[in-house]
C-alpha atoms as a PDB file:
ATOM      1  CA  UNK A   1      12.804  -2.016   9.593  1.00  0.00           C
ATOM      2  CA  UNK A   2      12.583  -5.798   9.886  1.00  0.00           C
ATOM      3  CA  UNK A   3      11.175  -7.718  12.795  1.00  0.00           C
ATOM      4  CA  UNK A   4       7.480  -8.108  11.992  1.00  0.00           C
ATOM      5  CA  UNK A   5       5.798  -9.790   9.062  1.00  0.00           C
ATOM      6  CA  UNK A   6       3.960  -7.412   6.776  1.00  0.00           C
ATOM      7  CA  UNK A   7       2.451 -10.545   5.223  1.00  0.00           C
ATOM      8  CA  UNK A   8       0.298 -11.130   8.309  1.00  0.00           C
ATOM      9  CA  UNK A   9      -1.215  -7.660   7.996  1.00  0.00           C
ATOM     10  CA  UNK A  10      -1.904  -8.224   4.293  1.00  0.00           C
ATOM     11  CA  UNK A  11      -3.598 -11.562   4.916  1.00  0.00           C
ATOM     12  CA  UNK A  12      -5.615 -10.080   7.753  1.00  0.00           C
ATOM     13  CA  UNK A  13      -7.037  -7.415   5.437  1.00  0.00           C
ATOM     14  CA  UNK A  14      -7.849  -9.747   2.557  1.00  0.00           C
ATOM     15  CA  UNK A  15     -11.337 -10.887   3.559  1.00  0.00           C
ATOM     16  CA  UNK A  16     -12.402  -7.365   4.450  1.00  0.00           C
ATOM     17  CA  UNK A  17     -11.103  -6.119   1.101  1.00  0.00           C
ATOM     18  CA  UNK A  18     -12.984  -8.828  -0.778  1.00  0.00           C
ATOM     19  CA  UNK A  19     -16.192  -7.431   0.688  1.00  0.00           C
ATOM     20  CA  UNK A  20     -15.288  -3.954  -0.590  1.00  0.00           C
ATOM     21  CA  UNK A  21     -14.240  -4.884  -4.128  1.00  0.00           C
ATOM     22  CA  UNK A  22     -16.209  -2.096  -5.826  1.00  0.00           C
ATOM     23  CA  UNK A  23     -14.712   0.556  -3.545  1.00  0.00           C
ATOM     24  CA  UNK A  24     -11.205  -0.788  -4.176  1.00  0.00           C
ATOM     25  CA  UNK A  25     -11.742  -0.543  -7.937  1.00  0.00           C
ATOM     26  CA  UNK A  26     -12.957   3.031  -7.506  1.00  0.00           C
ATOM     27  CA  UNK A  27      -9.810   3.994  -5.596  1.00  0.00           C
ATOM     28  CA  UNK A  28      -7.555   2.217  -8.077  1.00  0.00           C
ATOM     29  CA  UNK A  29      -9.248   4.006 -10.980  1.00  0.00           C
ATOM     30  CA  UNK A  30      -8.484   7.339  -9.312  1.00  0.00           C
ATOM     31  CA  UNK A  31      -4.855   6.330  -8.779  1.00  0.00           C
ATOM     32  CA  UNK A  32      -4.533   5.183 -12.412  1.00  0.00           C
ATOM     33  CA  UNK A  33      -6.098   8.447 -13.553  1.00  0.00           C
ATOM     34  CA  UNK A  34      -3.582  10.553 -11.603  1.00  0.00           C
ATOM     35  CA  UNK A  35      -0.572   8.501 -12.755  1.00  0.00           C
ATOM     36  CA  UNK A  36      -1.651   8.692 -16.417  1.00  0.00           C
ATOM     37  CA  UNK A  37      -2.410  12.408 -16.103  1.00  0.00           C
ATOM     38  CA  UNK A  38       1.052  13.146 -14.709  1.00  0.00           C
ATOM     39  CA  UNK A  39       3.235  10.795 -16.724  1.00  0.00           C
ATOM     40  CA  UNK A  40       1.345   9.809 -19.866  1.00  0.00           C
ATOM     41  CA  UNK A  41      -0.847   6.849 -20.861  1.00  0.00           C
ATOM     42  CA  UNK A  42       1.859   4.293 -21.720  1.00  0.00           C
ATOM     43  CA  UNK A  43       2.860   2.031 -18.784  1.00  0.00           C
ATOM     44  CA  UNK A  44       6.098   1.153 -20.605  1.00  0.00           C
ATOM     45  CA  UNK A  45       7.333   4.734 -20.337  1.00  0.00           C
ATOM     46  CA  UNK A  46       5.474   5.731 -17.164  1.00  0.00           C
ATOM     47  CA  UNK A  47       6.772   3.669 -14.191  1.00  0.00           C
ATOM     48  CA  UNK A  48       4.175   5.087 -11.795  1.00  0.00           C
ATOM     49  CA  UNK A  49       1.353   4.050 -14.104  1.00  0.00           C
ATOM     50  CA  UNK A  50       2.881   0.624 -14.620  1.00  0.00           C
ATOM     51  CA  UNK A  51       2.993  -0.002 -10.870  1.00  0.00           C
ATOM     52  CA  UNK A  52      -0.597   0.979 -10.271  1.00  0.00           C
ATOM     53  CA  UNK A  53      -1.819  -0.991 -13.315  1.00  0.00           C
ATOM     54  CA  UNK A  54      -0.048  -4.082 -11.974  1.00  0.00           C
ATOM     55  CA  UNK A  55      -1.573  -3.388  -8.565  1.00  0.00           C
ATOM     56  CA  UNK A  56      -5.015  -3.149 -10.175  1.00  0.00           C
ATOM     57  CA  UNK A  57      -4.535  -6.416 -12.047  1.00  0.00           C
ATOM     58  CA  UNK A  58      -3.457  -8.117  -8.821  1.00  0.00           C
ATOM     59  CA  UNK A  59      -6.821  -7.027  -7.383  1.00  0.00           C
ATOM     60  CA  UNK A  60      -8.554  -8.540 -10.454  1.00  0.00           C
ATOM     61  CA  UNK A  61      -9.722  -5.159 -11.711  1.00  0.00           C
ATOM     62  CA  UNK A  62     -11.133  -5.658 -15.239  1.00  0.00           C
ATOM     63  CA  UNK A  63      -8.943  -4.453 -18.107  1.00  0.00           C
ATOM     64  CA  UNK A  64     -11.823  -2.333 -19.419  1.00  0.00           C
ATOM     65  CA  UNK A  65     -11.931  -0.416 -16.129  1.00  0.00           C
ATOM     66  CA  UNK A  66      -8.181   0.152 -16.232  1.00  0.00           C
ATOM     67  CA  UNK A  67      -8.242   1.410 -19.816  1.00  0.00           C
ATOM     68  CA  UNK A  68     -11.257   3.622 -19.098  1.00  0.00           C
ATOM     69  CA  UNK A  69      -9.365   5.383 -16.294  1.00  0.00           C
ATOM     70  CA  UNK A  70      -6.341   5.928 -18.579  1.00  0.00           C
ATOM     71  CA  UNK A  71      -8.520   7.238 -21.410  1.00  0.00           C
ATOM     72  CA  UNK A  72     -10.323   9.554 -19.039  1.00  0.00           C
ATOM     73  CA  UNK A  73      -7.020  11.068 -17.881  1.00  0.00           C
ATOM     74  CA  UNK A  74      -5.839  11.754 -21.417  1.00  0.00           C
ATOM     75  CA  UNK A  75      -9.145  12.926 -22.880  1.00  0.00           C
ATOM     76  CA  UNK A  76      -9.446  16.502 -24.082  1.00  0.00           C
ATOM     77  CA  UNK A  77     -12.700  17.124 -22.205  1.00  0.00           C
ATOM     78  CA  UNK A  78     -11.404  16.023 -18.823  1.00  0.00           C
ATOM     79  CA  UNK A  79     -11.735  18.650 -16.088  1.00  0.00           C
ATOM     80  CA  UNK A  80     -11.156  16.589 -12.934  1.00  0.00           C
ATOM     81  CA  UNK A  81      -8.260  17.427 -10.667  1.00  0.00           C
ATOM     82  CA  UNK A  82      -7.047  15.443  -7.671  1.00  0.00           C
ATOM     83  CA  UNK A  83      -4.514  16.629  -5.124  1.00  0.00           C
ATOM     84  CA  UNK A  84      -2.422  14.296  -2.997  1.00  0.00           C
ATOM     85  CA  UNK A  85      -2.506  15.123   0.705  1.00  0.00           C
ATOM     86  CA  UNK A  86      -0.647  13.253   3.442  1.00  0.00           C
ATOM     87  CA  UNK A  87      -2.011  13.329   6.993  1.00  0.00           C
ATOM     88  CA  UNK A  88       0.056  12.168   9.949  1.00  0.00           C
ATOM     89  CA  UNK A  89      -1.020  11.425  13.477  1.00  0.00           C
ATOM     90  CA  UNK A  90      -1.304   9.042  16.376  1.00  0.00           C
ATOM     91  CA  UNK A  91      -3.712   6.219  16.976  1.00  0.00           C
ATOM     92  CA  UNK A  92      -4.601   4.647  20.323  1.00  0.00           C
ATOM     93  CA  UNK A  93      -1.557   3.908  22.450  1.00  0.00           C
ATOM     94  CA  UNK A  94       0.559   6.357  20.478  1.00  0.00           C
ATOM     95  CA  UNK A  95       0.693   4.228  17.327  1.00  0.00           C
ATOM     96  CA  UNK A  96       2.077   6.033  14.271  1.00  0.00           C
ATOM     97  CA  UNK A  97      -0.316   6.522  11.350  1.00  0.00           C
ATOM     98  CA  UNK A  98       0.128   8.026   7.875  1.00  0.00           C
ATOM     99  CA  UNK A  99      -2.895   8.559   5.626  1.00  0.00           C
ATOM    100  CA  UNK A 100      -2.382   9.135   1.890  1.00  0.00           C
ATOM    101  CA  UNK A 101      -5.318  10.816   0.148  1.00  0.00           C
ATOM    102  CA  UNK A 102      -6.269  11.826  -3.375  1.00  0.00           C
ATOM    103  CA  UNK A 103      -9.008  14.410  -3.235  1.00  0.00           C
ATOM    104  CA  UNK A 104     -10.865  17.069  -5.172  1.00  0.00           C
ATOM    105  CA  UNK A 105     -12.152  18.637  -1.946  1.00  0.00           C
ATOM    106  CA  UNK A 106      -9.543  19.242   0.761  1.00  0.00           C
ATOM    107  CA  UNK A 107     -12.042  20.466   3.352  1.00  0.00           C
ATOM    108  CA  UNK A 108     -14.177  17.329   3.055  1.00  0.00           C
ATOM    109  CA  UNK A 109     -11.163  15.056   3.286  1.00  0.00           C
ATOM    110  CA  UNK A 110      -9.621  16.850   6.263  1.00  0.00           C
ATOM    111  CA  UNK A 111     -12.929  16.716   8.158  1.00  0.00           C
ATOM    112  CA  UNK A 112     -13.396  12.988   7.532  1.00  0.00           C
ATOM    113  CA  UNK A 113      -9.808  12.048   8.416  1.00  0.00           C
ATOM    114  CA  UNK A 114      -9.902  14.115  11.615  1.00  0.00           C
ATOM    115  CA  UNK A 115     -13.200  12.501  12.593  1.00  0.00           C
ATOM    116  CA  UNK A 116     -11.761   8.999  12.154  1.00  0.00           C
ATOM    117  CA  UNK A 117      -8.860   9.846  14.463  1.00  0.00           C
ATOM    118  CA  UNK A 118     -10.850  11.712  17.110  1.00  0.00           C
ATOM    119  CA  UNK A 119     -13.707   9.208  17.287  1.00  0.00           C
ATOM    120  CA  UNK A 120     -11.368   6.302  18.035  1.00  0.00           C
ATOM    121  CA  UNK A 121      -8.906   7.667  20.564  1.00  0.00           C
ATOM    122  CA  UNK A 122      -6.356   9.116  18.150  1.00  0.00           C
ATOM    123  CA  UNK A 123      -5.342  12.598  17.125  1.00  0.00           C
ATOM    124  CA  UNK A 124      -3.926  14.253  14.030  1.00  0.00           C
ATOM    125  CA  UNK A 125      -0.451  15.751  14.271  1.00  0.00           C
ATOM    126  CA  UNK A 126       1.720  18.138  12.324  1.00  0.00           C
ATOM    127  CA  UNK A 127       3.348  17.229   9.028  1.00  0.00           C
ATOM    128  CA  UNK A 128       6.450  15.164   9.734  1.00  0.00           C
ATOM    129  CA  UNK A 129       5.404  14.065  13.218  1.00  0.00           C
ATOM    130  CA  UNK A 130       5.523  10.329  12.391  1.00  0.00           C
ATOM    131  CA  UNK A 131       6.840  10.004   8.827  1.00  0.00           C
ATOM    132  CA  UNK A 132      10.401   9.742  10.136  1.00  0.00           C
ATOM    133  CA  UNK A 133       9.375   6.441  11.753  1.00  0.00           C
ATOM    134  CA  UNK A 134       8.793   4.852   8.320  1.00  0.00           C
ATOM    135  CA  UNK A 135      11.124   3.911   5.453  1.00  0.00           C
ATOM    136  CA  UNK A 136       9.986   3.953   1.838  1.00  0.00           C
ATOM    137  CA  UNK A 137      10.711   0.500   0.446  1.00  0.00           C
ATOM    138  CA  UNK A 138       9.877  -1.790  -2.408  1.00  0.00           C
ATOM    139  CA  UNK A 139       8.043  -4.832  -1.068  1.00  0.00           C
ATOM    140  CA  UNK A 140       7.579  -8.190  -2.793  1.00  0.00           C
ATOM    141  CA  UNK A 141       5.730 -11.079  -1.155  1.00  0.00           C
ATOM    142  CA  UNK A 142       5.826 -14.637  -2.476  1.00  0.00           C
ATOM    143  CA  UNK A 143       3.265 -17.137  -1.212  1.00  0.00           C
ATOM    144  CA  UNK A 144       5.241 -20.316  -0.558  1.00  0.00           C
ATOM    145  CA  UNK A 145       2.192 -22.415  -1.402  1.00  0.00           C
ATOM    146  CA  UNK A 146       2.393 -21.050  -4.943  1.00  0.00           C
ATOM    147  CA  UNK A 147       6.147 -21.315  -5.424  1.00  0.00           C
ATOM    148  CA  UNK A 148       8.470 -24.009  -4.136  1.00  0.00           C
ATOM    149  CA  UNK A 149      12.053 -22.955  -3.511  1.00  0.00           C
ATOM    150  CA  UNK A 150      14.435 -23.519  -0.638  1.00  0.00           C
ATOM    151  CA  UNK A 151      15.070 -20.497   1.562  1.00  0.00           C
ATOM    152  CA  UNK A 152      18.814 -20.394   0.812  1.00  0.00           C
ATOM    153  CA  UNK A 153      18.183 -20.533  -2.937  1.00  0.00           C
ATOM    154  CA  UNK A 154      15.636 -17.746  -2.749  1.00  0.00           C
ATOM    155  CA  UNK A 155      17.946 -15.579  -0.640  1.00  0.00           C
ATOM    156  CA  UNK A 156      20.739 -16.061  -3.172  1.00  0.00           C
ATOM    157  CA  UNK A 157      18.415 -15.102  -6.038  1.00  0.00           C
ATOM    158  CA  UNK A 158      17.304 -11.979  -4.148  1.00  0.00           C
ATOM    159  CA  UNK A 159      20.870 -10.878  -3.425  1.00  0.00           C
ATOM    160  CA  UNK A 160      21.957 -11.465  -7.027  1.00  0.00           C
ATOM    161  CA  UNK A 161      19.277  -9.126  -8.405  1.00  0.00           C
ATOM    162  CA  UNK A 162      19.843  -6.343  -5.870  1.00  0.00           C
ATOM    163  CA  UNK A 163      17.290  -7.017  -3.129  1.00  0.00           C
ATOM    164  CA  UNK A 164      18.204  -5.498   0.229  1.00  0.00           C
ATOM    165  CA  UNK A 165      16.635  -7.930   2.665  1.00  0.00           C
ATOM    166  CA  UNK A 166      14.488 -11.045   2.835  1.00  0.00           C
ATOM    167  CA  UNK A 167      12.336 -12.379   5.654  1.00  0.00           C
ATOM    168  CA  UNK A 168      10.926 -15.882   5.488  1.00  0.00           C
ATOM    169  CA  UNK A 169       8.213 -17.805   7.279  1.00  0.00           C
ATOM    170  CA  UNK A 170       6.325 -21.018   6.674  1.00  0.00           C
ATOM    171  CA  UNK A 171       3.803 -19.012   4.615  1.00  0.00           C
ATOM    172  CA  UNK A 172       5.821 -16.501   2.616  1.00  0.00           C
ATOM    173  CA  UNK A 173       9.072 -14.987   1.441  1.00  0.00           C
ATOM    174  CA  UNK A 174       9.085 -11.214   1.977  1.00  0.00           C
ATOM    175  CA  UNK A 175      11.616  -9.180  -0.002  1.00  0.00           C
ATOM    176  CA  UNK A 176      12.531  -5.537   0.577  1.00  0.00           C
ATOM    177  CA  UNK A 177      14.286  -3.356  -1.982  1.00  0.00           C
ATOM    178  CA  UNK A 178      15.401   0.202  -2.488  1.00  0.00           C
ATOM    179  CA  UNK A 179      12.363   1.915  -4.090  1.00  0.00           C
ATOM    180  CA  UNK A 180      14.457   3.075  -7.053  1.00  0.00           C
ATOM    181  CA  UNK A 181      15.477  -0.502  -7.909  1.00  0.00           C
ATOM    182  CA  UNK A 182      12.086  -2.077  -7.145  1.00  0.00           C
ATOM    183  CA  UNK A 183      10.983  -2.542 -10.773  1.00  0.00           C
ATOM    184  CA  UNK A 184      14.367  -3.925 -11.816  1.00  0.00           C
ATOM    185  CA  UNK A 185      14.400  -6.469  -8.969  1.00  0.00           C
ATOM    186  CA  UNK A 186      10.796  -7.439  -9.686  1.00  0.00           C
ATOM    187  CA  UNK A 187      11.473  -7.896 -13.417  1.00  0.00           C
ATOM    188  CA  UNK A 188      14.560 -10.045 -12.794  1.00  0.00           C
ATOM    189  CA  UNK A 189      12.729 -12.341 -10.385  1.00  0.00           C
ATOM    190  CA  UNK A 190       9.751 -12.659 -12.729  1.00  0.00           C
ATOM    191  CA  UNK A 191      12.120 -13.832 -15.440  1.00  0.00           C
ATOM    192  CA  UNK A 192      13.086 -16.648 -13.057  1.00  0.00           C
ATOM    193  CA  UNK A 193       9.453 -17.732 -13.068  1.00  0.00           C
ATOM    194  CA  UNK A 194       8.556 -16.171  -9.718  1.00  0.00           C
ATOM    195  CA  UNK A 195       5.084 -14.701  -9.235  1.00  0.00           C
ATOM    196  CA  UNK A 196       4.138 -12.337  -6.434  1.00  0.00           C
ATOM    197  CA  UNK A 197       1.170 -12.272  -4.092  1.00  0.00           C
ATOM    198  CA  UNK A 198       1.963  -8.598  -3.416  1.00  0.00           C
ATOM    199  CA  UNK A 199       4.292  -6.182  -5.207  1.00  0.00           C
ATOM    200  CA  UNK A 200       4.314  -2.533  -4.192  1.00  0.00           C
ATOM    201  CA  UNK A 201       6.339   0.455  -3.111  1.00  0.00           C
ATOM    202  CA  UNK A 202       5.199   1.118   0.430  1.00  0.00           C
ATOM    203  CA  UNK A 203       6.073   2.682   3.775  1.00  0.00           C
ATOM    204  CA  UNK A 204       7.566   0.186   6.221  1.00  0.00           C
ATOM    205  CA  UNK A 205       7.647   0.960   9.958  1.00  0.00           C
ATOM    206  CA  UNK A 206      11.051   0.954  11.614  1.00  0.00           C
ATOM    207  CA  UNK A 207       9.466  -0.368  14.820  1.00  0.00           C
ATOM    208  CA  UNK A 208       6.048  -1.735  15.733  1.00  0.00           C
ATOM    209  CA  UNK A 209       3.621  -0.834  18.508  1.00  0.00           C
ATOM    210  CA  UNK A 210       1.691  -3.724  20.088  1.00  0.00           C
ATOM    211  CA  UNK A 211      -1.845  -3.087  21.331  1.00  0.00           C
ATOM    212  CA  UNK A 212      -4.403  -5.301  23.016  1.00  0.00           C
ATOM    213  CA  UNK A 213      -7.944  -5.148  24.305  1.00  0.00           C
ATOM    214  CA  UNK A 214      -9.902  -1.922  23.857  1.00  0.00           C
ATOM    215  CA  UNK A 215      -6.957  -0.054  22.363  1.00  0.00           C
ATOM    216  CA  UNK A 216      -6.542  -2.685  19.645  1.00  0.00           C
ATOM    217  CA  UNK A 217     -10.294  -2.616  18.937  1.00  0.00           C
ATOM    218  CA  UNK A 218     -10.329   1.180  18.641  1.00  0.00           C
ATOM    219  CA  UNK A 219      -7.283   1.126  16.410  1.00  0.00           C
ATOM    220  CA  UNK A 220      -8.944  -1.364  14.066  1.00  0.00           C
ATOM    221  CA  UNK A 221     -12.120   0.724  14.012  1.00  0.00           C
ATOM    222  CA  UNK A 222     -10.069   3.791  13.097  1.00  0.00           C
ATOM    223  CA  UNK A 223      -8.280   1.940  10.285  1.00  0.00           C
ATOM    224  CA  UNK A 224     -11.570   0.575   8.946  1.00  0.00           C
ATOM    225  CA  UNK A 225     -13.109   4.044   9.014  1.00  0.00           C
ATOM    226  CA  UNK A 226     -10.150   5.554   7.148  1.00  0.00           C
ATOM    227  CA  UNK A 227      -9.904   2.795   4.559  1.00  0.00           C
ATOM    228  CA  UNK A 228     -13.641   3.047   3.884  1.00  0.00           C
ATOM    229  CA  UNK A 229     -13.279   6.727   2.936  1.00  0.00           C
ATOM    230  CA  UNK A 230     -13.357   7.308  -0.833  1.00  0.00           C
ATOM    231  CA  UNK A 231     -10.594   9.934  -0.627  1.00  0.00           C
ATOM    232  CA  UNK A 232      -8.148   7.697   1.259  1.00  0.00           C
ATOM    233  CA  UNK A 233      -5.796   5.708  -0.960  1.00  0.00           C
ATOM    234  CA  UNK A 234      -3.419   4.161   1.575  1.00  0.00           C
ATOM    235  CA  UNK A 235      -3.094   3.953   5.348  1.00  0.00           C
ATOM    236  CA  UNK A 236       0.331   3.124   6.785  1.00  0.00           C
ATOM    237  CA  UNK A 237       0.768   2.334  10.482  1.00  0.00           C
ATOM    238  CA  UNK A 238       2.976   0.509  12.963  1.00  0.00           C
ATOM    239  CA  UNK A 239       0.164  -1.240  14.838  1.00  0.00           C
ATOM    240  CA  UNK A 240       0.322  -4.944  15.562  1.00  0.00           C
ATOM    241  CA  UNK A 241      -2.181  -6.806  17.707  1.00  0.00           C
ATOM    242  CA  UNK A 242      -0.769  -8.969  20.464  1.00  0.00           C
ATOM    243  CA  UNK A 243      -1.469 -12.679  20.163  1.00  0.00           C
END
C-alpha cells in the first residue's frame, strides 16, 4: 500500500481544481444530498454526511450551499434519485482505474465514461477487474508548513490513537487508518491541535504504475475528461508520472 506519496497527486490536482470550483461545489452538493437522503440530515448522527460536509468545508464550499443540499434531500417535494455506479478499467499502459459515479441517467453516464477510456488508449473492464488492486483506507494529510512537530513525535501520536501507518516527507505527514476507525483517529488528533490539509476515506493503490511520454499524456487527458464529467464523483488510479 505504501511506497508512493498520495500528497504529490493531491498537490498536482490543486490548481486544476481551483479553476473548476463551481463544478466541484456541484458534485459535493450531490454527494451531500445522497448522504443526507440515506442517513438523515444531522451530521452528528450520520457519519457519511459528516465526512462529506467536512470535505465540502475543506473546499471552501459556502455553508448556505451545504445546508441547501441537506434541506433539498429532506424536503417533502423532492423527487430526485441518484444511483451510485462503479466502473473499472485500464488506462494507457495497463494502469488500474476506478470511477465512482452518482447519476440519474445510467445510459448517459456509461456512454461518457466509456468514451473517456476509449478516446485515450484505455478500455473499460468487468466489475472487479481492478478493485482488488486497491485498499479502502482512511487518509489524513498534514502540511508540515502549517504544523510543526518532529517526525518521531507525530508517529507516536498516530500510533497512540490507532493509526495504521505514517509516511513523511519534507512537505507532509501522511497517515493511513482503518476506514472504520478513521473518524475516531481524526477526532483524537484534532484534539491535539492538529489540522488537516486532506481528510478522507479513499481507495489506495497497493502498487503504482509509472508512465512517461505519450502514455502519461493520454492518461492525464483521460483523468481530466472523467473528472470534468458531472456524474463522476471520484476517480481512483495507480498512475504516477516518471520524473
